[in-house]
Amino acid sequence: GDTNYADSMKGRFTISTDNAKTTVYLQMNSLEPEDTAVYSCHA
């Protein structure tokens, strides 16, 4: 359950997992044009 965020996302983005801990979510709020990118998942 330990989390780590980049400074520019902290407070706007939230990372979490499901009960099986095989799926990860990224809730992104207050999105800005600077957030435009290809987002990739790492396991």
PDB file of all heavy atoms in Angstrom:
ATOM      1  N   GLY A   1       0.759  -1.232   0.000  1.00  0.00           N
ATOM      2  CA  GLY A   1       0.000   0.000   0.000  1.00  0.00           C
ATOM      3  C   GLY A   1       0.791   1.285   0.000  1.00  0.00           C
ATOM      4  O   GLY A   1       0.189   2.368  -0.020  1.00  0.00           O
ATOM      5  N   ASP A   2       2.106   1.213   0.028  1.00  0.00           N
ATOM      6  CA  ASP A   2       2.917   2.427  -0.038  1.00  0.00           C
ATOM      7  C   ASP A   2       2.810   3.064  -1.417  1.00  0.00           C
ATOM      8  O   ASP A   2       2.853   2.374  -2.431  1.00  0.00           O
ATOM      9  CB  ASP A   2       4.376   2.122   0.274  1.00  0.00           C
ATOM     10  CG  ASP A   2       4.590   1.706   1.714  1.00  0.00           C
ATOM     11  OD1 ASP A   2       3.781   2.101   2.575  1.00  0.00           O
ATOM     12  OD2 ASP A   2       5.570   0.985   1.984  1.00  0.00           O
ATOM     13  N   THR A   3       2.678   4.381  -1.454  1.00  0.00           N
ATOM     14  CA  THR A   3       2.522   5.101  -2.714  1.00  0.00           C
ATOM     15  C   THR A   3       3.613   6.136  -2.891  1.00  0.00           C
ATOM     16  O   THR A   3       4.189   6.641  -1.920  1.00  0.00           O
ATOM     17  CB  THR A   3       1.150   5.790  -2.806  1.00  0.00           C
ATOM     18  OG1 THR A   3       0.998   6.690  -1.696  1.00  0.00           O
ATOM     19  CG2 THR A   3       0.036   4.765  -2.778  1.00  0.00           C
ATOM     20  N   ASN A   4       3.875   6.462  -4.143  1.00  0.00           N
ATOM     21  CA  ASN A   4       4.849   7.468  -4.509  1.00  0.00           C
ATOM     22  C   ASN A   4       4.309   8.238  -5.704  1.00  0.00           C
ATOM     23  O   ASN A   4       3.876   7.631  -6.685  1.00  0.00           O
ATOM     24  CB  ASN A   4       6.196   6.825  -4.838  1.00  0.00           C
ATOM     25  CG  ASN A   4       7.280   7.845  -5.104  1.00  0.00           C
ATOM     26  OD1 ASN A   4       7.295   8.913  -4.491  1.00  0.00           O
ATOM     27  ND2 ASN A   4       8.202   7.527  -6.008  1.00  0.00           N
ATOM     28  N   TYR A   5       4.319   9.582  -5.616  1.00  0.00           N
ATOM     29  CA  TYR A   5       3.798  10.436  -6.667  1.00  0.00           C
ATOM     30  C   TYR A   5       4.840  11.430  -7.123  1.00  0.00           C
ATOM     31  O   TYR A   5       5.647  11.912  -6.327  1.00  0.00           O
ATOM     32  CB  TYR A   5       2.574  11.224  -6.186  1.00  0.00           C
ATOM     33  CG  TYR A   5       1.358  10.394  -5.849  1.00  0.00           C
ATOM     34  CD1 TYR A   5       1.160   9.923  -4.556  1.00  0.00           C
ATOM     35  CD2 TYR A   5       0.409  10.103  -6.814  1.00  0.00           C
ATOM     36  CE1 TYR A   5       0.043   9.174  -4.245  1.00  0.00           C
ATOM     37  CE2 TYR A   5      -0.709   9.356  -6.509  1.00  0.00           C
ATOM     38  CZ  TYR A   5      -0.889   8.893  -5.218  1.00  0.00           C
ATOM     39  OH  TYR A   5      -2.004   8.154  -4.913  1.00  0.00           O
ATOM     40  N   ALA A   6       4.791  11.748  -8.402  1.00  0.00           N
ATOM     41  CA  ALA A   6       5.548  12.886  -8.888  1.00  0.00           C
ATOM     42  C   ALA A   6       4.948  14.172  -8.313  1.00  0.00           C
ATOM     43  O   ALA A   6       3.743  14.254  -8.080  1.00  0.00           O
ATOM     44  CB  ALA A   6       5.531  12.933 -10.413  1.00  0.00           C
ATOM     45  N   ASP A   7       5.794  15.181  -8.099  1.00  0.00           N
ATOM     46  CA  ASP A   7       5.343  16.399  -7.435  1.00  0.00           C
ATOM     47  C   ASP A   7       4.188  17.076  -8.171  1.00  0.00           C
ATOM     48  O   ASP A   7       3.262  17.596  -7.546  1.00  0.00           O
ATOM     49  CB  ASP A   7       6.512  17.373  -7.282  1.00  0.00           C
ATOM     50  CG  ASP A   7       7.527  16.915  -6.264  1.00  0.00           C
ATOM     51  OD1 ASP A   7       7.187  16.062  -5.420  1.00  0.00           O
ATOM     52  OD2 ASP A   7       8.667  17.415  -6.299  1.00  0.00           O
ATOM     53  N   SER A   8       4.216  17.089  -9.490  1.00  0.00           N
ATOM     54  CA  SER A   8       3.193  17.787 -10.256  1.00  0.00           C
ATOM     55  C   SER A   8       1.837  17.089 -10.217  1.00  0.00           C
ATOM     56  O   SER A   8       0.818  17.712 -10.516  1.00  0.00           O
ATOM     57  CB  SER A   8       3.646  17.959 -11.709  1.00  0.00           C
ATOM     58  OG  SER A   8       3.850  16.705 -12.330  1.00  0.00           O
ATOM     59  N   MET A   9       1.793  15.818  -9.862  1.00  0.00           N
ATOM     60  CA  MET A   9       0.557  15.064  -9.799  1.00  0.00           C
ATOM     61  C   MET A   9      -0.005  14.934  -8.387  1.00  0.00           C
ATOM     62  O   MET A   9      -1.194  14.641  -8.227  1.00  0.00           O
ATOM     63  CB  MET A   9       0.730  13.659 -10.373  1.00  0.00           C
ATOM     64  CG  MET A   9       1.037  13.618 -11.857  1.00  0.00           C
ATOM     65  SD  MET A   9       2.797  13.956 -12.147  1.00  0.00           S
ATOM     66  CE  MET A   9       2.930  13.608 -13.894  1.00  0.00           C
ATOM     67  N   LYS A  10       0.833  15.123  -7.386  1.00  0.00           N
ATOM     68  CA  LYS A  10       0.421  14.922  -6.010  1.00  0.00           C
ATOM     69  C   LYS A  10      -0.717  15.869  -5.651  1.00  0.00           C
ATOM     70  O   LYS A  10      -0.622  17.074  -5.832  1.00  0.00           O
ATOM     71  CB  LYS A  10       1.605  15.127  -5.067  1.00  0.00           C
ATOM     72  CG  LYS A  10       1.377  14.615  -3.664  1.00  0.00           C
ATOM     73  CD  LYS A  10       2.659  14.665  -2.850  1.00  0.00           C
ATOM     74  CE  LYS A  10       2.478  14.049  -1.483  1.00  0.00           C
ATOM     75  NZ  LYS A  10       3.733  14.061  -0.703  1.00  0.00           N
ATOM     76  N   GLY A  11      -1.818  15.305  -5.147  1.00  0.00           N
ATOM     77  CA  GLY A  11      -2.997  16.080  -4.818  1.00  0.00           C
ATOM     78  C   GLY A  11      -4.050  16.064  -5.903  1.00  0.00           C
ATOM     79  O   GLY A  11      -5.228  16.297  -5.612  1.00  0.00           O
ATOM     80  N   ARG A  12      -3.670  15.827  -7.141  1.00  0.00           N
ATOM     81  CA  ARG A  12      -4.608  15.737  -8.259  1.00  0.00           C
ATOM     82  C   ARG A  12      -4.852  14.298  -8.694  1.00  0.00           C
ATOM     83  O   ARG A  12      -5.966  13.958  -9.095  1.00  0.00           O
ATOM     84  CB  ARG A  12      -4.102  16.531  -9.460  1.00  0.00           C
ATOM     85  CG  ARG A  12      -3.960  18.026  -9.225  1.00  0.00           C
ATOM     86  CD  ARG A  12      -3.698  18.760 -10.540  1.00  0.00           C
ATOM     87  NE  ARG A  12      -2.457  18.328 -11.185  1.00  0.00           N
ATOM     88  CZ  ARG A  12      -2.377  17.843 -12.421  1.00  0.00           C
ATOM     89  NH1 ARG A  12      -3.476  17.734 -13.160  1.00  0.00           N
ATOM     90  NH2 ARG A  12      -1.209  17.488 -12.924  1.00  0.00           N
ATOM     91  N   PHE A  13      -3.821  13.477  -8.641  1.00  0.00           N
ATOM     92  CA  PHE A  13      -3.915  12.090  -9.091  1.00  0.00           C
ATOM     93  C   PHE A  13      -3.897  11.151  -7.889  1.00  0.00           C
ATOM     94  O   PHE A  13      -3.239  11.423  -6.881  1.00  0.00           O
ATOM     95  CB  PHE A  13      -2.743  11.730 -10.007  1.00  0.00           C
ATOM     96  CG  PHE A  13      -2.743  12.438 -11.336  1.00  0.00           C
ATOM     97  CD1 PHE A  13      -3.679  13.410 -11.648  1.00  0.00           C
ATOM     98  CD2 PHE A  13      -1.783  12.113 -12.286  1.00  0.00           C
ATOM     99  CE1 PHE A  13      -3.668  14.056 -12.870  1.00  0.00           C
ATOM    100  CE2 PHE A  13      -1.766  12.751 -13.515  1.00  0.00           C
ATOM    101  CZ  PHE A  13      -2.699  13.722 -13.811  1.00  0.00           C
ATOM    102  N   THR A  14      -4.608  10.022  -8.013  1.00  0.00           N
ATOM    103  CA  THR A  14      -4.648   9.014  -6.970  1.00  0.00           C
ATOM    104  C   THR A  14      -4.469   7.636  -7.580  1.00  0.00           C
ATOM    105  O   THR A  14      -5.197   7.272  -8.509  1.00  0.00           O
ATOM    106  CB  THR A  14      -5.967   9.056  -6.186  1.00  0.00           C
ATOM    107  OG1 THR A  14      -6.157  10.358  -5.618  1.00  0.00           O
ATOM    108  CG2 THR A  14      -5.946   8.025  -5.056  1.00  0.00           C
ATOM    109  N   ILE A  15      -3.515   6.867  -7.067  1.00  0.00           N
ATOM    110  CA  ILE A  15      -3.287   5.511  -7.536  1.00  0.00           C
ATOM    111  C   ILE A  15      -3.859   4.529  -6.520  1.00  0.00           C
ATOM    112  O   ILE A  15      -3.787   4.750  -5.312  1.00  0.00           O
ATOM    113  CB  ILE A  15      -1.784   5.251  -7.780  1.00  0.00           C
ATOM    114  CG1 ILE A  15      -1.571   3.920  -8.500  1.00  0.00           C
ATOM    115  CG2 ILE A  15      -0.988   5.318  -6.483  1.00  0.00           C
ATOM    116  CD1 ILE A  15      -0.145   3.715  -8.990  1.00  0.00           C
ATOM    117  N   SER A  16      -4.442   3.433  -7.009  1.00  0.00           N
ATOM    118  CA  SER A  16      -5.041   2.432  -6.140  1.00  0.00           C
ATOM    119  C   SER A  16      -5.071   1.092  -6.852  1.00  0.00           C
ATOM    120  O   SER A  16      -4.837   1.011  -8.063  1.00  0.00           O
ATOM    121  CB  SER A  16      -6.458   2.836  -5.717  1.00  0.00           C
ATOM    122  OG  SER A  16      -7.307   2.949  -6.842  1.00  0.00           O
ATOM    123  N   THR A  17      -5.373   0.022  -6.098  1.00  0.00           N
ATOM    124  CA  THR A  17      -5.471  -1.326  -6.651  1.00  0.00           C
ATOM    125  C   THR A  17      -6.791  -1.962  -6.258  1.00  0.00           C
ATOM    126  O   THR A  17      -7.471  -1.496  -5.341  1.00  0.00           O
ATOM    127  CB  THR A  17      -4.318  -2.219  -6.172  1.00  0.00           C
ATOM    128  OG1 THR A  17      -4.352  -2.322  -4.744  1.00  0.00           O
ATOM    129  CG2 THR A  17      -2.973  -1.643  -6.591  1.00  0.00           C
ATOM    130  N   ASP A  18      -7.160  -3.042  -6.957  1.00  0.00           N
ATOM    131  CA  ASP A  18      -8.346  -3.799  -6.591  1.00  0.00           C
ATOM    132  C   ASP A  18      -7.997  -4.775  -5.470  1.00  0.00           C
ATOM    133  O   ASP A  18      -6.863  -4.836  -5.001  1.00  0.00           O
ATOM    134  CB  ASP A  18      -8.926  -4.521  -7.809  1.00  0.00           C
ATOM    135  CG  ASP A  18      -8.003  -5.597  -8.365  1.00  0.00           C
ATOM    136  OD1 ASP A  18      -6.831  -5.676  -7.935  1.00  0.00           O
ATOM    137  OD2 ASP A  18      -8.455  -6.367  -9.234  1.00  0.00           O
ATOM    138  N   ASN A  19      -8.998  -5.566  -5.032  1.00  0.00           N
ATOM    139  CA  ASN A  19      -8.780  -6.475  -3.907  1.00  0.00           C
ATOM    140  C   ASN A  19      -7.757  -7.560  -4.230  1.00  0.00           C
ATOM    141  O   ASN A  19      -6.987  -7.976  -3.351  1.00  0.00           O
ATOM    142  CB  ASN A  19     -10.102  -7.111  -3.482  1.00  0.00           C
ATOM    143  CG  ASN A  19     -11.060  -6.119  -2.863  1.00  0.00           C
ATOM    144  OD1 ASN A  19     -10.636  -5.102  -2.301  1.00  0.00           O
ATOM    145  ND2 ASN A  19     -12.344  -6.390  -2.948  1.00  0.00           N
ATOM    146  N   ALA A  20      -7.749  -8.041  -5.459  1.00  0.00           N
ATOM    147  CA  ALA A  20      -6.790  -9.062  -5.863  1.00  0.00           C
ATOM    148  C   ALA A  20      -5.400  -8.501  -6.097  1.00  0.00           C
ATOM    149  O   ALA A  20      -4.446  -9.273  -6.235  1.00  0.00           O
ATOM    150  CB  ALA A  20      -7.283  -9.769  -7.123  1.00  0.00           C
ATOM    151  N   LYS A  21      -5.286  -7.192  -6.172  1.00  0.00           N
ATOM    152  CA  LYS A  21      -4.014  -6.494  -6.391  1.00  0.00           C
ATOM    153  C   LYS A  21      -3.356  -6.919  -7.693  1.00  0.00           C
ATOM    154  O   LYS A  21      -2.135  -7.033  -7.787  1.00  0.00           O
ATOM    155  CB  LYS A  21      -3.075  -6.688  -5.202  1.00  0.00           C
ATOM    156  CG  LYS A  21      -3.622  -6.098  -3.913  1.00  0.00           C
ATOM    157  CD  LYS A  21      -2.652  -6.226  -2.759  1.00  0.00           C
ATOM    158  CE  LYS A  21      -3.223  -5.595  -1.505  1.00  0.00           C
ATOM    159  NZ  LYS A  21      -2.302  -5.713  -0.356  1.00  0.00           N
ATOM    160  N   THR A  22      -4.183  -7.148  -8.697  1.00  0.00           N
ATOM    161  CA  THR A  22      -3.706  -7.415 -10.047  1.00  0.00           C
ATOM    162  C   THR A  22      -4.133  -6.333 -11.026  1.00  0.00           C
ATOM    163  O   THR A  22      -3.733  -6.377 -12.189  1.00  0.00           O
ATOM    164  CB  THR A  22      -4.201  -8.774 -10.552  1.00  0.00           C
ATOM    165  OG1 THR A  22      -5.630  -8.832 -10.472  1.00  0.00           O
ATOM    166  CG2 THR A  22      -3.597  -9.902  -9.720  1.00  0.00           C
ATOM    167  N   THR A  23      -4.944  -5.386 -10.564  1.00  0.00           N
ATOM    168  CA  THR A  23      -5.369  -4.251 -11.368  1.00  0.00           C
ATOM    169  C   THR A  23      -5.029  -2.964 -10.635  1.00  0.00           C
ATOM    170  O   THR A  23      -5.302  -2.844  -9.436  1.00  0.00           O
ATOM    171  CB  THR A  23      -6.873  -4.302 -11.666  1.00  0.00           C
ATOM    172  OG1 THR A  23      -7.188  -5.489 -12.397  1.00  0.00           O
ATOM    173  CG2 THR A  23      -7.304  -3.094 -12.481  1.00  0.00           C
ATOM    174  N   VAL A  24      -4.444  -2.020 -11.344  1.00  0.00           N
ATOM    175  CA  VAL A  24      -4.101  -0.736 -10.773  1.00  0.00           C
ATOM    176  C   VAL A  24      -4.881   0.352 -11.496  1.00  0.00           C
ATOM    177  O   VAL A  24      -5.066   0.284 -12.717  1.00  0.00           O
ATOM    178  CB  VAL A  24      -2.577  -0.473 -10.840  1.00  0.00           C
ATOM    179  CG1 VAL A  24      -2.085  -0.433 -12.284  1.00  0.00           C
ATOM    180  CG2 VAL A  24      -2.215   0.810 -10.116  1.00  0.00           C
ATOM    181  N   TYR A  25      -5.350   1.349 -10.730  1.00  0.00           N
ATOM    182  CA  TYR A  25      -6.111   2.459 -11.273  1.00  0.00           C
ATOM    183  C   TYR A  25      -5.353   3.764 -11.054  1.00  0.00           C
ATOM    184  O   TYR A  25      -4.591   3.909 -10.102  1.00  0.00           O
ATOM    185  CB  TYR A  25      -7.488   2.558 -10.612  1.00  0.00           C
ATOM    186  CG  TYR A  25      -8.313   1.298 -10.711  1.00  0.00           C
ATOM    187  CD1 TYR A  25      -8.327   0.381  -9.664  1.00  0.00           C
ATOM    188  CD2 TYR A  25      -9.074   1.032 -11.832  1.00  0.00           C
ATOM    189  CE1 TYR A  25      -9.075  -0.771  -9.744  1.00  0.00           C
ATOM    190  CE2 TYR A  25      -9.828  -0.122 -11.927  1.00  0.00           C
ATOM    191  CZ  TYR A  25      -9.826  -1.020 -10.879  1.00  0.00           C
ATOM    192  OH  TYR A  25     -10.575  -2.172 -10.958  1.00  0.00           O
ATOM    193  N   LEU A  26      -5.587   4.699 -11.937  1.00  0.00           N
ATOM    194  CA  LEU A  26      -5.076   6.050 -11.781  1.00  0.00           C
ATOM    195  C   LEU A  26      -6.234   7.015 -11.987  1.00  0.00           C
ATOM    196  O   LEU A  26      -6.697   7.199 -13.115  1.00  0.00           O
ATOM    197  CB  LEU A  26      -3.948   6.345 -12.772  1.00  0.00           C
ATOM    198  CG  LEU A  26      -3.300   7.722 -12.622  1.00  0.00           C
ATOM    199  CD1 LEU A  26      -2.533   7.809 -11.305  1.00  0.00           C
ATOM    200  CD2 LEU A  26      -2.377   8.027 -13.796  1.00  0.00           C
ATOM    201  N   GLN A  27      -6.713   7.603 -10.892  1.00  0.00           N
ATOM    202  CA  GLN A  27      -7.757   8.614 -10.950  1.00  0.00           C
ATOM    203  C   GLN A  27      -7.098   9.972 -11.151  1.00  0.00           C
ATOM    204  O   GLN A  27      -6.308  10.404 -10.313  1.00  0.00           O
ATOM    205  CB  GLN A  27      -8.594   8.608  -9.676  1.00  0.00           C
ATOM    206  CG  GLN A  27      -9.694   9.663  -9.641  1.00  0.00           C
ATOM    207  CD  GLN A  27     -10.769   9.418 -10.671  1.00  0.00           C
ATOM    208  OE1 GLN A  27     -11.216   8.285 -10.849  1.00  0.00           O
ATOM    209  NE2 GLN A  27     -11.179  10.469 -11.366  1.00  0.00           N
ATOM    210  N   MET A  28      -7.426  10.637 -12.245  1.00  0.00           N
ATOM    211  CA  MET A  28      -6.815  11.902 -12.600  1.00  0.00           C
ATOM    212  C   MET A  28      -7.875  13.000 -12.561  1.00  0.00           C
ATOM    213  O   MET A  28      -8.837  12.961 -13.332  1.00  0.00           O
ATOM    214  CB  MET A  28      -6.162  11.829 -13.982  1.00  0.00           C
ATOM    215  CG  MET A  28      -5.140  10.715 -14.116  1.00  0.00           C
ATOM    216  SD  MET A  28      -4.279  10.727 -15.715  1.00  0.00           S
ATOM    217  CE  MET A  28      -5.649  10.313 -16.800  1.00  0.00           C
ATOM    218  N   ASN A  29      -7.689  13.970 -11.675  1.00  0.00           N
ATOM    219  CA  ASN A  29      -8.602  15.094 -11.526  1.00  0.00           C
ATOM    220  C   ASN A  29      -7.898  16.394 -11.901  1.00  0.00           C
ATOM    221  O   ASN A  29      -6.673  16.478 -11.914  1.00  0.00           O
ATOM    222  CB  ASN A  29      -9.124  15.181 -10.090  1.00  0.00           C
ATOM    223  CG  ASN A  29      -9.904  13.959  -9.667  1.00  0.00           C
ATOM    224  OD1 ASN A  29     -10.603  13.342 -10.475  1.00  0.00           O
ATOM    225  ND2 ASN A  29      -9.806  13.607  -8.388  1.00  0.00           N
ATOM    226  N   SER A  30      -8.700  17.415 -12.191  1.00  0.00           N
ATOM    227  CA  SER A  30      -8.176  18.740 -12.537  1.00  0.00           C
ATOM    228  C   SER A  30      -7.123  18.658 -13.630  1.00  0.00           C
ATOM    229  O   SER A  30      -6.037  19.236 -13.529  1.00  0.00           O
ATOM    230  CB  SER A  30      -7.614  19.424 -11.284  1.00  0.00           C
ATOM    231  OG  SER A  30      -8.598  19.553 -10.282  1.00  0.00           O
ATOM    232  N   LEU A  31      -7.446  17.945 -14.679  1.00  0.00           N
ATOM    233  CA  LEU A  31      -6.489  17.737 -15.761  1.00  0.00           C
ATOM    234  C   LEU A  31      -6.173  19.040 -16.490  1.00  0.00           C
ATOM    235  O   LEU A  31      -7.031  19.911 -16.637  1.00  0.00           O
ATOM    236  CB  LEU A  31      -7.026  16.704 -16.742  1.00  0.00           C
ATOM    237  CG  LEU A  31      -6.971  15.255 -16.240  1.00  0.00           C
ATOM    238  CD1 LEU A  31      -7.853  14.354 -17.086  1.00  0.00           C
ATOM    239  CD2 LEU A  31      -5.528  14.756 -16.250  1.00  0.00           C
ATOM    240  N   GLU A  32      -4.941  19.150 -16.929  1.00  0.00           N
ATOM    241  CA  GLU A  32      -4.443  20.315 -17.637  1.00  0.00           C
ATOM    242  C   GLU A  32      -3.851  19.881 -18.972  1.00  0.00           C
ATOM    243  O   GLU A  32      -3.477  18.721 -19.140  1.00  0.00           O
ATOM    244  CB  GLU A  32      -3.377  21.037 -16.800  1.00  0.00           C
ATOM    245  CG  GLU A  32      -3.857  21.469 -15.424  1.00  0.00           C
ATOM    246  CD  GLU A  32      -2.736  21.987 -14.551  1.00  0.00           C
ATOM    247  OE1 GLU A  32      -1.566  21.944 -14.997  1.00  0.00           O
ATOM    248  OE2 GLU A  32      -3.023  22.443 -13.422  1.00  0.00           O
ATOM    249  N   PRO A  33      -3.757  20.812 -19.936  1.00  0.00           N
ATOM    250  CA  PRO A  33      -3.153  20.441 -21.223  1.00  0.00           C
ATOM    251  C   PRO A  33      -1.759  19.842 -21.083  1.00  0.00           C
ATOM    252  O   PRO A  33      -1.371  18.993 -21.901  1.00  0.00           O
ATOM    253  CB  PRO A  33      -3.120  21.773 -21.980  1.00  0.00           C
ATOM    254  CG  PRO A  33      -4.269  22.540 -21.416  1.00  0.00           C
ATOM    255  CD  PRO A  33      -4.317  22.169 -19.965  1.00  0.00           C
ATOM    256  N   GLU A  34      -1.017  20.270 -20.063  1.00  0.00           N
ATOM    257  CA  GLU A  34       0.321  19.741 -19.833  1.00  0.00           C
ATOM    258  C   GLU A  34       0.316  18.260 -19.446  1.00  0.00           C
ATOM    259  O   GLU A  34       1.370  17.615 -19.477  1.00  0.00           O
ATOM    260  CB  GLU A  34       1.043  20.559 -18.757  1.00  0.00           C
ATOM    261  CG  GLU A  34       1.389  21.984 -19.173  1.00  0.00           C
ATOM    262  CD  GLU A  34       0.190  22.915 -19.183  1.00  0.00           C
ATOM    263  OE1 GLU A  34      -0.845  22.581 -18.573  1.00  0.00           O
ATOM    264  OE2 GLU A  34       0.287  23.992 -19.814  1.00  0.00           O
ATOM    265  N   ASP A  35      -0.840  17.723 -19.074  1.00  0.00           N
ATOM    266  CA  ASP A  35      -0.952  16.312 -18.741  1.00  0.00           C
ATOM    267  C   ASP A  35      -1.086  15.428 -19.973  1.00  0.00           C
ATOM    268  O   ASP A  35      -1.088  14.198 -19.850  1.00  0.00           O
ATOM    269  CB  ASP A  35      -2.148  16.067 -17.815  1.00  0.00           C
ATOM    270  CG  ASP A  35      -1.993  16.755 -16.471  1.00  0.00           C
ATOM    271  OD1 ASP A  35      -0.880  16.698 -15.903  1.00  0.00           O
ATOM    272  OD2 ASP A  35      -2.985  17.341 -15.989  1.00  0.00           O
ATOM    273  N   THR A  36      -1.223  16.016 -21.135  1.00  0.00           N
ATOM    274  CA  THR A  36      -1.354  15.252 -22.372  1.00  0.00           C
ATOM    275  C   THR A  36      -0.112  14.397 -22.597  1.00  0.00           C
ATOM    276  O   THR A  36       1.011  14.906 -22.627  1.00  0.00           O
ATOM    277  CB  THR A  36      -1.567  16.184 -23.566  1.00  0.00           C
ATOM    278  OG1 THR A  36      -2.806  16.885 -23.411  1.00  0.00           O
ATOM    279  CG2 THR A  36      -1.608  15.398 -24.871  1.00  0.00           C
ATOM    280  N   ALA A  37      -0.320  13.089 -22.742  1.00  0.00           N
ATOM    281  CA  ALA A  37       0.796  12.162 -22.891  1.00  0.00           C
ATOM    282  C   ALA A  37       0.257  10.760 -23.124  1.00  0.00           C
ATOM    283  O   ALA A  37      -0.941  10.503 -22.978  1.00  0.00           O
ATOM    284  CB  ALA A  37       1.692  12.179 -21.646  1.00  0.00           C
ATOM    285  N   VAL A  38       1.150   9.862 -23.474  1.00  0.00           N
ATOM    286  CA  VAL A  38       0.861   8.438 -23.474  1.00  0.00           C
ATOM    287  C   VAL A  38       1.185   7.905 -22.087  1.00  0.00           C
ATOM    288  O   VAL A  38       2.318   8.040 -21.617  1.00  0.00           O
ATOM    289  CB  VAL A  38       1.664   7.683 -24.543  1.00  0.00           C
ATOM    290  CG1 VAL A  38       1.425   6.178 -24.422  1.00  0.00           C
ATOM    291  CG2 VAL A  38       1.288   8.172 -25.934  1.00  0.00           C
ATOM    292  N   TYR A  39       0.200   7.306 -21.435  1.00  0.00           N
ATOM    293  CA  TYR A  39       0.362   6.778 -20.091  1.00  0.00           C
ATOM    294  C   TYR A  39       0.553   5.267 -20.166  1.00  0.00           C
ATOM    295  O   TYR A  39      -0.263   4.558 -20.751  1.00  0.00           O
ATOM    296  CB  TYR A  39      -0.851   7.119 -19.222  1.00  0.00           C
ATOM    297  CG  TYR A  39      -0.902   8.569 -18.821  1.00  0.00           C
ATOM    298  CD1 TYR A  39      -1.198   9.555 -19.752  1.00  0.00           C
ATOM    299  CD2 TYR A  39      -0.637   8.953 -17.509  1.00  0.00           C
ATOM    300  CE1 TYR A  39      -1.223  10.894 -19.393  1.00  0.00           C
ATOM    301  CE2 TYR A  39      -0.668  10.289 -17.139  1.00  0.00           C
ATOM    302  CZ  TYR A  39      -0.963  11.254 -18.081  1.00  0.00           C
ATOM    303  OH  TYR A  39      -0.991  12.583 -17.712  1.00  0.00           O
ATOM    304  N   SER A  40       1.633   4.775 -19.559  1.00  0.00           N
ATOM    305  CA  SER A  40       1.988   3.365 -19.614  1.00  0.00           C
ATOM    306  C   SER A  40       1.998   2.763 -18.222  1.00  0.00           C
ATOM    307  O   SER A  40       2.422   3.407 -17.258  1.00  0.00           O
ATOM    308  CB  SER A  40       3.362   3.174 -20.261  1.00  0.00           C
ATOM    309  OG  SER A  40       3.374   3.663 -21.597  1.00  0.00           O
ATOM    310  N   CYS A  41       1.555   1.525 -18.137  1.00  0.00           N
ATOM    311  CA  CYS A  41       1.507   0.793 -16.887  1.00  0.00           C
ATOM    312  C   CYS A  41       2.753  -0.073 -16.744  1.00  0.00           C
ATOM    313  O   CYS A  41       3.197  -0.699 -17.711  1.00  0.00           O
ATOM    314  CB  CYS A  41       0.247  -0.067 -16.847  1.00  0.00           C
ATOM    315  SG  CYS A  41       0.036  -1.022 -15.325  1.00  0.00           S
ATOM    316  N   HIS A  42       3.286  -0.127 -15.534  1.00  0.00           N
ATOM    317  CA  HIS A  42       4.479  -0.906 -15.229  1.00  0.00           C
ATOM    318  C   HIS A  42       4.172  -1.890 -14.114  1.00  0.00           C
ATOM    319  O   HIS A  42       3.565  -1.532 -13.104  1.00  0.00           O
ATOM    320  CB  HIS A  42       5.620   0.031 -14.824  1.00  0.00           C
ATOM    321  CG  HIS A  42       6.867  -0.669 -14.403  1.00  0.00           C
ATOM    322  ND1 HIS A  42       7.253  -0.767 -13.081  1.00  0.00           N
ATOM    323  CD2 HIS A  42       7.826  -1.298 -15.123  1.00  0.00           C
ATOM    324  CE1 HIS A  42       8.391  -1.426 -13.004  1.00  0.00           C
ATOM    325  NE2 HIS A  42       8.756  -1.755 -14.239  1.00  0.00           N
ATOM    326  N   ALA A  43       4.596  -3.136 -14.287  1.00  0.00           N
ATOM    327  CA  ALA A  43       4.395  -4.183 -13.291  1.00  0.00           C
ATOM    328  C   ALA A  43       5.729  -4.772 -12.881  1.00  0.00           C
ATOM    329  O   ALA A  43       6.590  -5.024 -13.720  1.00  0.00           O
ATOM    330  CB  ALA A  43       3.481  -5.278 -13.834  1.00  0.00           C
TER     331      ALA A  43
END
